[in-house]
PDB file of N, CA and C in Angstrom:
ATOM      1  N   UNK A   1       1.063  -0.791   0.227  1.00  0.00           N
ATOM      2  CA  UNK A   1       0.483  -0.243   0.436  1.00  0.00           C
ATOM      3  C   UNK A   1       0.641   1.148   0.026  1.00  0.00           C
ATOM      4  N   UNK A   2       0.361   2.230  -1.196  1.00  0.00           N
ATOM      5  CA  UNK A   2       1.459   3.599  -1.073  1.00  0.00           C
ATOM      6  C   UNK A   2       0.852   4.447   0.146  1.00  0.00           C
ATOM      7  N   UNK A   3       2.205   5.388   0.372  1.00  0.00           N
ATOM      8  CA  UNK A   3       1.977   6.550   1.390  1.00  0.00           C
ATOM      9  C   UNK A   3       0.910   7.405   1.114  1.00  0.00           C
ATOM     10  N   UNK A   4      -0.195   7.678   0.334  1.00  0.00           N
ATOM     11  CA  UNK A   4      -1.399   8.459   0.274  1.00  0.00           C
ATOM     12  C   UNK A   4      -2.457   7.447   0.510  1.00  0.00           C
ATOM     13  N   UNK A   5      -2.676   6.320   0.142  1.00  0.00           N
ATOM     14  CA  UNK A   5      -3.546   4.871   0.867  1.00  0.00           C
ATOM     15  C   UNK A   5      -3.392   5.317   2.173  1.00  0.00           C
ATOM     16  N   UNK A   6      -2.270   4.807   2.558  1.00  0.00           N
ATOM     17  CA  UNK A   6      -1.970   4.511   4.299  1.00  0.00           C
ATOM     18  C   UNK A   6      -2.492   6.187   4.980  1.00  0.00           C
ATOM     19  N   UNK A   7      -2.258   7.456   4.730  1.00  0.00           N
ATOM     20  CA  UNK A   7      -2.574   7.858   5.110  1.00  0.00           C
ATOM     21  C   UNK A   7      -3.920   8.526   4.896  1.00  0.00           C
ATOM     22  N   UNK A   8      -4.767   8.358   3.504  1.00  0.00           N
ATOM     23  CA  UNK A   8      -6.157   8.200   3.197  1.00  0.00           C
ATOM     24  C   UNK A   8      -7.329   7.254   5.017  1.00  0.00           C
ATOM     25  N   UNK A   9      -6.122   5.844   5.238  1.00  0.00           N
ATOM     26  CA  UNK A   9      -7.196   5.327   5.941  1.00  0.00           C
ATOM     27  C   UNK A   9      -7.158   6.178   7.258  1.00  0.00           C
ATOM     28  N   UNK A  10      -5.717   6.227   7.677  1.00  0.00           N
ATOM     29  CA  UNK A  10      -5.295   7.301   9.340  1.00  0.00           C
ATOM     30  C   UNK A  10      -6.194   8.163   9.272  1.00  0.00           C
ATOM     31  N   UNK A  11      -6.465   9.240   7.798  1.00  0.00           N
ATOM     32  CA  UNK A  11      -7.345  10.103   8.483  1.00  0.00           C
ATOM     33  C   UNK A  11      -9.394  10.557   8.137  1.00  0.00           C
ATOM     34  N   UNK A  12      -8.990   9.280   7.791  1.00  0.00           N
ATOM     35  CA  UNK A  12     -10.739   9.171   7.456  1.00  0.00           C
ATOM     36  C   UNK A  12     -11.554   9.600   8.541  1.00  0.00           C
ATOM     37  N   UNK A  13     -12.922  10.102   8.823  1.00  0.00           N
ATOM     38  CA  UNK A  13     -13.545   9.557   9.507  1.00  0.00           C
ATOM     39  C   UNK A  13     -13.032  10.732  10.742  1.00  0.00           C
ATOM     40  N   UNK A  14     -11.888  11.331  10.733  1.00  0.00           N
ATOM     41  CA  UNK A  14     -11.726  12.177  11.799  1.00  0.00           C
ATOM     42  C   UNK A  14     -11.948  13.687  11.417  1.00  0.00           C
ATOM     43  N   UNK A  15     -12.202  14.248  12.786  1.00  0.00           N
ATOM     44  CA  UNK A  15     -12.529  15.620  12.280  1.00  0.00           C
ATOM     45  C   UNK A  15     -11.233  16.550  12.626  1.00  0.00           C
ATOM     46  N   UNK A  16     -10.218  16.173  13.590  1.00  0.00           N
ATOM     47  CA  UNK A  16      -8.337  17.084  13.402  1.00  0.00           C
ATOM     48  C   UNK A  16      -7.904  15.842  13.605  1.00  0.00           C
ATOM     49  N   UNK A  17      -6.677  15.985  12.620  1.00  0.00           N
ATOM     50  CA  UNK A  17      -5.292  15.934  13.066  1.00  0.00           C
ATOM     51  C   UNK A  17      -4.080  16.405  13.383  1.00  0.00           C
ATOM     52  N   UNK A  18      -3.350  16.941  14.727  1.00  0.00           N
ATOM     53  CA  UNK A  18      -2.837  17.703  15.115  1.00  0.00           C
ATOM     54  C   UNK A  18      -1.352  17.445  14.446  1.00  0.00           C
ATOM     55  N   UNK A  19      -0.429  16.228  13.898  1.00  0.00           N
ATOM     56  CA  UNK A  19       0.296  16.449  13.387  1.00  0.00           C
ATOM     57  C   UNK A  19      -0.048  15.685  11.699  1.00  0.00           C
ATOM     58  N   UNK A  20      -0.559  16.066  10.967  1.00  0.00           N
ATOM     59  CA  UNK A  20      -0.462  15.632   9.866  1.00  0.00           C
ATOM     60  C   UNK A  20       0.506  15.129   8.283  1.00  0.00           C
ATOM     61  N   UNK A  21       1.045  16.937   8.753  1.00  0.00           N
ATOM     62  CA  UNK A  21       2.469  16.654   8.321  1.00  0.00           C
ATOM     63  C   UNK A  21       3.364  16.041   8.111  1.00  0.00           C
ATOM     64  N   UNK A  22       3.647  15.403   9.646  1.00  0.00           N
ATOM     65  CA  UNK A  22       4.610  14.454  10.451  1.00  0.00           C
ATOM     66  C   UNK A  22       4.407  13.208  10.325  1.00  0.00           C
ATOM     67  N   UNK A  23       2.918  12.940  10.262  1.00  0.00           N
ATOM     68  CA  UNK A  23       2.522  11.682  10.025  1.00  0.00           C
ATOM     69  C   UNK A  23       2.533  11.889   8.118  1.00  0.00           C
ATOM     70  N   UNK A  24       2.764  12.034   7.257  1.00  0.00           N
ATOM     71  CA  UNK A  24       2.917  12.382   5.791  1.00  0.00           C
ATOM     72  C   UNK A  24       4.481  12.328   5.369  1.00  0.00           C
ATOM     73  N   UNK A  25       4.968  12.892   6.292  1.00  0.00           N
ATOM     74  CA  UNK A  25       6.574  12.499   6.315  1.00  0.00           C
ATOM     75  C   UNK A  25       7.465  11.526   6.275  1.00  0.00           C
ATOM     76  N   UNK A  26       6.003  10.971   7.702  1.00  0.00           N
ATOM     77  CA  UNK A  26       6.806   9.406   8.099  1.00  0.00           C
ATOM     78  C   UNK A  26       6.746   8.395   7.394  1.00  0.00           C
ATOM     79  N   UNK A  27       5.268   8.405   6.650  1.00  0.00           N
ATOM     80  CA  UNK A  27       5.108   7.673   5.712  1.00  0.00           C
ATOM     81  C   UNK A  27       5.211   7.711   4.517  1.00  0.00           C
ATOM     82  N   UNK A  28       5.950   9.157   4.148  1.00  0.00           N
ATOM     83  CA  UNK A  28       6.870   9.365   2.870  1.00  0.00           C
ATOM     84  C   UNK A  28       8.175   8.359   3.246  1.00  0.00           C
ATOM     85  N   UNK A  29       8.511   8.427   4.277  1.00  0.00           N
ATOM     86  CA  UNK A  29      10.143   7.676   4.443  1.00  0.00           C
ATOM     87  C   UNK A  29       9.830   6.262   4.811  1.00  0.00           C
ATOM     88  N   UNK A  30       9.047   5.759   5.319  1.00  0.00           N
ATOM     89  CA  UNK A  30       8.335   4.714   5.612  1.00  0.00           C
ATOM     90  C   UNK A  30       9.046   4.218   7.122  1.00  0.00           C
ATOM     91  N   UNK A  31       9.033   5.305   7.874  1.00  0.00           N
ATOM     92  CA  UNK A  31       9.199   5.320   9.314  1.00  0.00           C
ATOM     93  C   UNK A  31       7.829   4.825   9.995  1.00  0.00           C
ATOM     94  N   UNK A  32       8.670   3.660  10.794  1.00  0.00           N
ATOM     95  CA  UNK A  32       7.581   2.923  11.716  1.00  0.00           C
ATOM     96  C   UNK A  32       6.470   4.002  12.335  1.00  0.00           C
ATOM     97  N   UNK A  33       5.096   3.585  12.689  1.00  0.00           N
ATOM     98  CA  UNK A  33       4.622   4.731  13.287  1.00  0.00           C
ATOM     99  C   UNK A  33       3.208   3.439  14.393  1.00  0.00           C
ATOM    100  N   UNK A  34       3.155   4.430  15.462  1.00  0.00           N
ATOM    101  CA  UNK A  34       2.323   3.428  16.626  1.00  0.00           C
ATOM    102  C   UNK A  34       1.605   4.119  17.364  1.00  0.00           C
ATOM    103  N   UNK A  35       0.113   3.699  17.961  1.00  0.00           N
ATOM    104  CA  UNK A  35      -0.773   4.371  18.183  1.00  0.00           C
ATOM    105  C   UNK A  35      -0.864   4.063  19.100  1.00  0.00           C
ATOM    106  N   UNK A  36      -1.689   5.013  20.412  1.00  0.00           N
ATOM    107  CA  UNK A  36      -2.224   3.809  21.500  1.00  0.00           C
ATOM    108  C   UNK A  36      -3.658   4.834  21.643  1.00  0.00           C
ATOM    109  N   UNK A  37      -4.675   3.425  22.263  1.00  0.00           N
ATOM    110  CA  UNK A  37      -5.578   3.935  22.855  1.00  0.00           C
ATOM    111  C   UNK A  37      -6.101   3.273  24.012  1.00  0.00           C
ATOM    112  N   UNK A  38      -6.683   4.153  25.317  1.00  0.00           N
ATOM    113  CA  UNK A  38      -6.620   3.665  26.663  1.00  0.00           C
ATOM    114  C   UNK A  38      -7.831   3.232  26.724  1.00  0.00           C
ATOM    115  N   UNK A  39      -8.705   2.433  27.508  1.00  0.00           N
ATOM    116  CA  UNK A  39     -10.135   2.094  27.848  1.00  0.00           C
ATOM    117  C   UNK A  39     -10.126   1.862  29.552  1.00  0.00           C
ATOM    118  N   UNK A  40     -11.154   2.580  29.844  1.00  0.00           N
ATOM    119  CA  UNK A  40     -11.080   2.134  31.511  1.00  0.00           C
ATOM    120  C   UNK A  40     -11.969   0.708  31.735  1.00  0.00           C
ATOM    121  N   UNK A  41     -11.446  -0.554  32.056  1.00  0.00           N
ATOM    122  CA  UNK A  41     -12.328  -1.633  31.838  1.00  0.00           C
ATOM    123  C   UNK A  41     -13.408  -1.601  32.852  1.00  0.00           C
ATOM    124  N   UNK A  42     -14.588  -0.798  32.722  1.00  0.00           N
ATOM    125  CA  UNK A  42     -15.218  -0.946  33.858  1.00  0.00           C
ATOM    126  C   UNK A  42     -17.062  -1.118  33.473  1.00  0.00           C
ATOM    127  N   UNK A  43     -17.497  -2.064  32.359  1.00  0.00           N
ATOM    128  CA  UNK A  43     -18.316  -2.174  32.268  1.00  0.00           C
ATOM    129  C   UNK A  43     -18.579  -3.433  30.360  1.00  0.00           C
ATOM    130  N   UNK A  44     -19.635  -3.173  30.189  1.00  0.00           N
ATOM    131  CA  UNK A  44     -19.880  -3.747  29.022  1.00  0.00           C
ATOM    132  C   UNK A  44     -19.289  -3.151  28.037  1.00  0.00           C
ATOM    133  N   UNK A  45     -19.019  -3.687  26.531  1.00  0.00           N
ATOM    134  CA  UNK A  45     -18.430  -2.935  25.557  1.00  0.00           C
ATOM    135  C   UNK A  45     -19.914  -2.217  24.836  1.00  0.00           C
ATOM    136  N   UNK A  46     -20.421  -1.388  24.538  1.00  0.00           N
ATOM    137  CA  UNK A  46     -20.861  -0.388  23.712  1.00  0.00           C
ATOM    138  C   UNK A  46     -20.494   0.439  22.444  1.00  0.00           C
ATOM    139  N   UNK A  47     -21.514   1.276  21.824  1.00  0.00           N
ATOM    140  CA  UNK A  47     -21.315   1.638  20.192  1.00  0.00           C
ATOM    141  C   UNK A  47     -19.662   2.394  20.359  1.00  0.00           C
ATOM    142  N   UNK A  48     -19.785   3.486  21.510  1.00  0.00           N
ATOM    143  CA  UNK A  48     -18.720   4.068  21.881  1.00  0.00           C
ATOM    144  C   UNK A  48     -16.887   3.303  21.358  1.00  0.00           C
ATOM    145  N   UNK A  49     -17.258   2.399  21.691  1.00  0.00           N
ATOM    146  CA  UNK A  49     -15.841   1.424  21.766  1.00  0.00           C
ATOM    147  C   UNK A  49     -15.483   1.221  20.161  1.00  0.00           C
ATOM    148  N   UNK A  50     -16.712   0.534  19.391  1.00  0.00           N
ATOM    149  CA  UNK A  50     -16.969  -0.282  18.525  1.00  0.00           C
ATOM    150  C   UNK A  50     -15.997   0.913  17.308  1.00  0.00           C
ATOM    151  N   UNK A  51     -16.979   2.274  17.287  1.00  0.00           N
ATOM    152  CA  UNK A  51     -16.401   3.526  16.451  1.00  0.00           C
ATOM    153  C   UNK A  51     -14.761   3.652  17.338  1.00  0.00           C
ATOM    154  N   UNK A  52     -14.427   3.804  18.110  1.00  0.00           N
ATOM    155  CA  UNK A  52     -13.032   3.921  18.048  1.00  0.00           C
ATOM    156  C   UNK A  52     -11.848   2.833  17.733  1.00  0.00           C
ATOM    157  N   UNK A  53     -12.489   1.194  18.054  1.00  0.00           N
ATOM    158  CA  UNK A  53     -11.792   0.148  17.808  1.00  0.00           C
ATOM    159  C   UNK A  53     -11.884   0.108  15.820  1.00  0.00           C
ATOM    160  N   UNK A  54     -13.147   0.714  14.846  1.00  0.00           N
ATOM    161  CA  UNK A  54     -12.850   0.934  13.707  1.00  0.00           C
ATOM    162  C   UNK A  54     -12.000   1.929  13.757  1.00  0.00           C
ATOM    163  N   UNK A  55     -11.202   2.851  13.983  1.00  0.00           N
ATOM    164  CA  UNK A  55     -10.375   4.039  13.869  1.00  0.00           C
ATOM    165  C   UNK A  55      -8.930   2.919  14.074  1.00  0.00           C
ATOM    166  N   UNK A  56      -8.861   2.364  15.077  1.00  0.00           N
ATOM    167  CA  UNK A  56      -7.627   1.274  15.356  1.00  0.00           C
ATOM    168  C   UNK A  56      -7.872   0.230  14.213  1.00  0.00           C
ATOM    169  N   UNK A  57      -8.543  -0.167  13.238  1.00  0.00           N
ATOM    170  CA  UNK A  57      -8.535  -1.129  12.410  1.00  0.00           C
ATOM    171  C   UNK A  57      -7.940  -0.515  11.398  1.00  0.00           C
ATOM    172  N   UNK A  58      -8.397   0.719  10.910  1.00  0.00           N
ATOM    173  CA  UNK A  58      -8.081   1.460  10.022  1.00  0.00           C
ATOM    174  C   UNK A  58      -6.603   1.838  10.226  1.00  0.00           C
ATOM    175  N   UNK A  59      -5.930   2.357  11.288  1.00  0.00           N
ATOM    176  CA  UNK A  59      -4.751   2.749  11.215  1.00  0.00           C
ATOM    177  C   UNK A  59      -3.993   1.164  12.059  1.00  0.00           C
ATOM    178  N   UNK A  60      -4.326   0.243  12.144  1.00  0.00           N
ATOM    179  CA  UNK A  60      -3.739  -0.859  11.388  1.00  0.00           C
ATOM    180  C   UNK A  60      -3.481  -1.971  10.261  1.00  0.00           C
ATOM    181  N   UNK A  61      -4.683  -1.641   9.332  1.00  0.00           N
ATOM    182  CA  UNK A  61      -4.291  -1.816   7.736  1.00  0.00           C
ATOM    183  C   UNK A  61      -3.536  -0.443   7.022  1.00  0.00           C
ATOM    184  N   UNK A  62      -3.413   0.439   8.014  1.00  0.00           N
ATOM    185  CA  UNK A  62      -2.039   1.492   6.985  1.00  0.00           C
ATOM    186  C   UNK A  62      -0.673   0.704   7.920  1.00  0.00           C
ATOM    187  N   UNK A  63      -0.422   0.151   8.223  1.00  0.00           N
ATOM    188  CA  UNK A  63       1.004  -0.431   9.091  1.00  0.00           C
ATOM    189  C   UNK A  63       1.507   0.374  10.297  1.00  0.00           C
ATOM    190  N   UNK A  64       0.507   0.617  11.350  1.00  0.00           N
ATOM    191  CA  UNK A  64       0.950   1.462  11.995  1.00  0.00           C
ATOM    192  C   UNK A  64       0.360   0.426  13.661  1.00  0.00           C
ATOM    193  N   UNK A  65       1.631   0.634  14.064  1.00  0.00           N
ATOM    194  CA  UNK A  65       1.478  -0.150  15.299  1.00  0.00           C
ATOM    195  C   UNK A  65       0.138   0.111  16.309  1.00  0.00           C
ATOM    196  N   UNK A  66      -0.656  -0.742  16.397  1.00  0.00           N
ATOM    197  CA  UNK A  66      -1.424  -0.329  17.633  1.00  0.00           C
ATOM    198  C   UNK A  66      -0.974  -0.890  19.064  1.00  0.00           C
ATOM    199  N   UNK A  67      -1.518   0.190  19.642  1.00  0.00           N
ATOM    200  CA  UNK A  67      -1.337  -0.205  21.218  1.00  0.00           C
ATOM    201  C   UNK A  67      -2.824   0.070  22.145  1.00  0.00           C
ATOM    202  N   UNK A  68      -3.250  -1.198  22.630  1.00  0.00           N
ATOM    203  CA  UNK A  68      -4.430  -0.959  23.089  1.00  0.00           C
ATOM    204  C   UNK A  68      -4.241  -1.389  24.715  1.00  0.00           C
ATOM    205  N   UNK A  69      -4.325  -0.135  25.895  1.00  0.00           N
ATOM    206  CA  UNK A  69      -3.833  -0.387  27.309  1.00  0.00           C
ATOM    207  C   UNK A  69      -5.373  -0.362  28.224  1.00  0.00           C
ATOM    208  N   UNK A  70      -5.571  -1.492  28.577  1.00  0.00           N
ATOM    209  CA  UNK A  70      -7.134  -1.897  29.114  1.00  0.00           C
ATOM    210  C   UNK A  70      -6.526  -1.395  30.767  1.00  0.00           C
ATOM    211  N   UNK A  71      -6.789  -0.531  31.253  1.00  0.00           N
ATOM    212  CA  UNK A  71      -5.922   0.677  32.400  1.00  0.00           C
ATOM    213  C   UNK A  71      -7.133  -0.004  34.111  1.00  0.00           C
ATOM    214  N   UNK A  72      -6.907  -1.455  34.548  1.00  0.00           N
ATOM    215  CA  UNK A  72      -7.592  -1.873  35.194  1.00  0.00           C
ATOM    216  C   UNK A  72      -7.232  -1.351  36.570  1.00  0.00           C
ATOM    217  N   UNK A  73      -6.089  -0.958  36.683  1.00  0.00           N
ATOM    218  CA  UNK A  73      -5.470  -0.336  38.195  1.00  0.00           C
ATOM    219  C   UNK A  73      -6.532   1.556  38.099  1.00  0.00           C
ATOM    220  N   UNK A  74      -6.469   1.639  37.088  1.00  0.00           N
ATOM    221  CA  UNK A  74      -6.946   3.252  37.268  1.00  0.00           C
ATOM    222  C   UNK A  74      -8.668   2.804  37.441  1.00  0.00           C
ATOM    223  N   UNK A  75      -9.186   2.059  36.509  1.00  0.00           N
ATOM    224  CA  UNK A  75     -10.854   1.585  37.093  1.00  0.00           C
ATOM    225  C   UNK A  75     -11.110   1.346  38.473  1.00  0.00           C
ATOM    226  N   UNK A  76      -9.694   0.517  38.952  1.00  0.00           N
ATOM    227  CA  UNK A  76      -9.928  -0.366  40.076  1.00  0.00           C
ATOM    228  C   UNK A  76      -9.882   1.220  41.439  1.00  0.00           C
ATOM    229  N   UNK A  77      -8.769   2.189  40.990  1.00  0.00           N
ATOM    230  CA  UNK A  77      -8.731   3.125  41.297  1.00  0.00           C
ATOM    231  C   UNK A  77      -9.987   4.439  41.482  1.00  0.00           C
ATOM    232  N   UNK A  78     -10.407   4.018  40.587  1.00  0.00           N
ATOM    233  CA  UNK A  78     -11.924   5.007  40.259  1.00  0.00           C
ATOM    234  C   UNK A  78     -12.676   4.323  40.906  1.00  0.00           C
ATOM    235  N   UNK A  79     -12.207   3.626  41.283  1.00  0.00           N
ATOM    236  CA  UNK A  79     -13.640   2.285  42.573  1.00  0.00           C
ATOM    237  C   UNK A  79     -14.787   1.710  41.562  1.00  0.00           C
ATOM    238  N   UNK A  80     -14.245   1.334  40.706  1.00  0.00           N
ATOM    239  CA  UNK A  80     -14.887   0.673  39.734  1.00  0.00           C
ATOM    240  C   UNK A  80     -15.439  -1.090  39.792  1.00  0.00           C
ATOM    241  N   UNK A  81     -14.273  -1.549  40.952  1.00  0.00           N
ATOM    242  CA  UNK A  81     -14.648  -3.043  41.467  1.00  0.00           C
ATOM    243  C   UNK A  81     -13.702  -3.517  41.914  1.00  0.00           C
ATOM    244  N   UNK A  82     -13.721  -4.210  42.460  1.00  0.00           N
ATOM    245  CA  UNK A  82     -12.161  -4.969  42.795  1.00  0.00           C
ATOM    246  C   UNK A  82     -11.215  -5.490  41.939  1.00  0.00           C
ATOM    247  N   UNK A  83      -9.812  -5.410  41.978  1.00  0.00           N
ATOM    248  CA  UNK A  83      -9.289  -5.662  41.271  1.00  0.00           C
ATOM    249  C   UNK A  83      -9.206  -7.059  39.979  1.00  0.00           C
ATOM    250  N   UNK A  84      -9.776  -8.074  40.915  1.00  0.00           N
ATOM    251  CA  UNK A  84     -10.310  -9.450  40.190  1.00  0.00           C
ATOM    252  C   UNK A  84     -11.753  -9.192  39.651  1.00  0.00           C
ATOM    253  N   UNK A  85     -12.490  -8.220  39.696  1.00  0.00           N
ATOM    254  CA  UNK A  85     -13.911  -8.213  38.882  1.00  0.00           C
ATOM    255  C   UNK A  85     -13.095  -7.282  38.056  1.00  0.00           C
ATOM    256  N   UNK A  86     -12.604  -6.290  37.887  1.00  0.00           N
ATOM    257  CA  UNK A  86     -11.965  -5.368  36.864  1.00  0.00           C
ATOM    258  C   UNK A  86     -11.436  -5.861  36.028  1.00  0.00           C
ATOM    259  N   UNK A  87     -10.457  -6.934  36.365  1.00  0.00           N
ATOM    260  CA  UNK A  87      -9.655  -7.595  35.200  1.00  0.00           C
ATOM    261  C   UNK A  87     -10.614  -9.015  34.815  1.00  0.00           C
ATOM    262  N   UNK A  88     -11.353  -9.347  35.298  1.00  0.00           N
ATOM    263  CA  UNK A  88     -11.996 -10.107  34.330  1.00  0.00           C
ATOM    264  C   UNK A  88     -13.231  -9.339  33.519  1.00  0.00           C
ATOM    265  N   UNK A  89     -13.499  -8.189  33.515  1.00  0.00           N
ATOM    266  CA  UNK A  89     -14.061  -7.284  32.774  1.00  0.00           C
ATOM    267  C   UNK A  89     -12.997  -6.652  31.853  1.00  0.00           C
ATOM    268  N   UNK A  90     -11.548  -6.775  31.776  1.00  0.00           N
ATOM    269  CA  UNK A  90     -10.736  -6.477  30.852  1.00  0.00           C
ATOM    270  C   UNK A  90     -10.686  -7.460  30.217  1.00  0.00           C
ATOM    271  N   UNK A  91     -10.086  -9.020  30.582  1.00  0.00           N
ATOM    272  CA  UNK A  91     -10.121  -9.745  29.559  1.00  0.00           C
ATOM    273  C   UNK A  91     -11.376  -9.955  28.650  1.00  0.00           C
ATOM    274  N   UNK A  92     -12.565  -9.583  29.288  1.00  0.00           N
ATOM    275  CA  UNK A  92     -13.938  -9.745  28.191  1.00  0.00           C
ATOM    276  C   UNK A  92     -13.468  -8.473  27.170  1.00  0.00           C
ATOM    277  N   UNK A  93     -13.636  -6.987  27.639  1.00  0.00           N
ATOM    278  CA  UNK A  93     -13.385  -6.129  26.773  1.00  0.00           C
ATOM    279  C   UNK A  93     -12.503  -6.666  25.553  1.00  0.00           C
ATOM    280  N   UNK A  94     -10.843  -7.361  26.177  1.00  0.00           N
ATOM    281  CA  UNK A  94      -9.769  -7.406  25.136  1.00  0.00           C
ATOM    282  C   UNK A  94     -10.570  -8.357  24.264  1.00  0.00           C
ATOM    283  N   UNK A  95     -11.381  -9.969  24.997  1.00  0.00           N
ATOM    284  CA  UNK A  95     -11.952 -10.472  23.503  1.00  0.00           C
ATOM    285  C   UNK A  95     -12.602  -9.808  22.869  1.00  0.00           C
ATOM    286  N   UNK A  96     -13.611  -8.768  23.326  1.00  0.00           N
ATOM    287  CA  UNK A  96     -14.259  -8.127  22.138  1.00  0.00           C
ATOM    288  C   UNK A  96     -13.979  -7.388  21.120  1.00  0.00           C
ATOM    289  N   UNK A  97     -12.697  -6.567  21.386  1.00  0.00           N
ATOM    290  CA  UNK A  97     -12.118  -5.808  20.545  1.00  0.00           C
ATOM    291  C   UNK A  97     -11.619  -6.878  19.442  1.00  0.00           C
ATOM    292  N   UNK A  98     -10.519  -8.117  20.005  1.00  0.00           N
ATOM    293  CA  UNK A  98     -10.736  -9.380  19.028  1.00  0.00           C
ATOM    294  C   UNK A  98     -11.718  -8.908  17.930  1.00  0.00           C
ATOM    295  N   UNK A  99     -12.845  -9.520  18.746  1.00  0.00           N
ATOM    296  CA  UNK A  99     -14.464  -9.795  17.895  1.00  0.00           C
ATOM    297  C   UNK A  99     -14.435  -8.943  17.115  1.00  0.00           C
ATOM    298  N   UNK A 100     -14.218  -7.709  16.948  1.00  0.00           N
ATOM    299  CA  UNK A 100     -14.274  -6.777  16.160  1.00  0.00           C
ATOM    300  C   UNK A 100     -13.462  -6.517  14.860  1.00  0.00           C
ATOM    301  N   UNK A 101     -12.324  -7.328  15.067  1.00  0.00           N
ATOM    302  CA  UNK A 101     -11.445  -7.561  14.082  1.00  0.00           C
ATOM    303  C   UNK A 101     -10.032  -6.574  14.263  1.00  0.00           C
ATOM    304  N   UNK A 102     -10.430  -6.113  15.816  1.00  0.00           N
ATOM    305  CA  UNK A 102      -8.915  -6.058  15.902  1.00  0.00           C
ATOM    306  C   UNK A 102      -7.793  -6.570  16.093  1.00  0.00           C
ATOM    307  N   UNK A 103      -6.838  -6.822  15.048  1.00  0.00           N
ATOM    308  CA  UNK A 103      -5.663  -7.911  14.659  1.00  0.00           C
ATOM    309  C   UNK A 103      -5.066  -8.187  16.480  1.00  0.00           C
ATOM    310  N   UNK A 104      -5.162  -9.024  16.828  1.00  0.00           N
ATOM    311  CA  UNK A 104      -4.039  -9.155  18.213  1.00  0.00           C
ATOM    312  C   UNK A 104      -2.639  -9.758  18.074  1.00  0.00           C
ATOM    313  N   UNK A 105      -2.326  -9.902  17.099  1.00  0.00           N
ATOM    314  CA  UNK A 105      -0.576 -10.150  16.682  1.00  0.00           C
ATOM    315  C   UNK A 105      -0.374  -9.326  16.314  1.00  0.00           C
ATOM    316  N   UNK A 106      -0.727  -8.204  15.994  1.00  0.00           N
ATOM    317  CA  UNK A 106      -0.008  -6.777  15.248  1.00  0.00           C
ATOM    318  C   UNK A 106      -0.002  -5.685  16.352  1.00  0.00           C
TER     319      UNK A 106
END
C-alpha cells in the first residue's frame, strides 16, 4: 500500500489531525508509526467502543502498530470494582475488541 492510501486510512472519519504533516513525512520515509488507545474496563462494550476500534482497525490496515491499554488499575482506583472483577471485565473487553477484528498479533 502506498503512502497516500495509508494516509487516507489514517485520516478518514476524523475531524482533526494534530500532526498530519509529520505523519505524511513518516509515511513517505517508511518510518514506523505507533498509536496508543486507552480504555478503563468498567463495564460492557458499547457502540462508542466499536467506533473507536474501527479507527484502530484503519490504523492497523495502514501499517500503524496499535497498542491498546486496558487500564485495570485506573478503574480500580476509580472504585469501579475489585481488581479481580475489573481484570475479568478487561479480559472480556480484550475478547470483544478482537471479535471486532482488531488483530491481536499486530
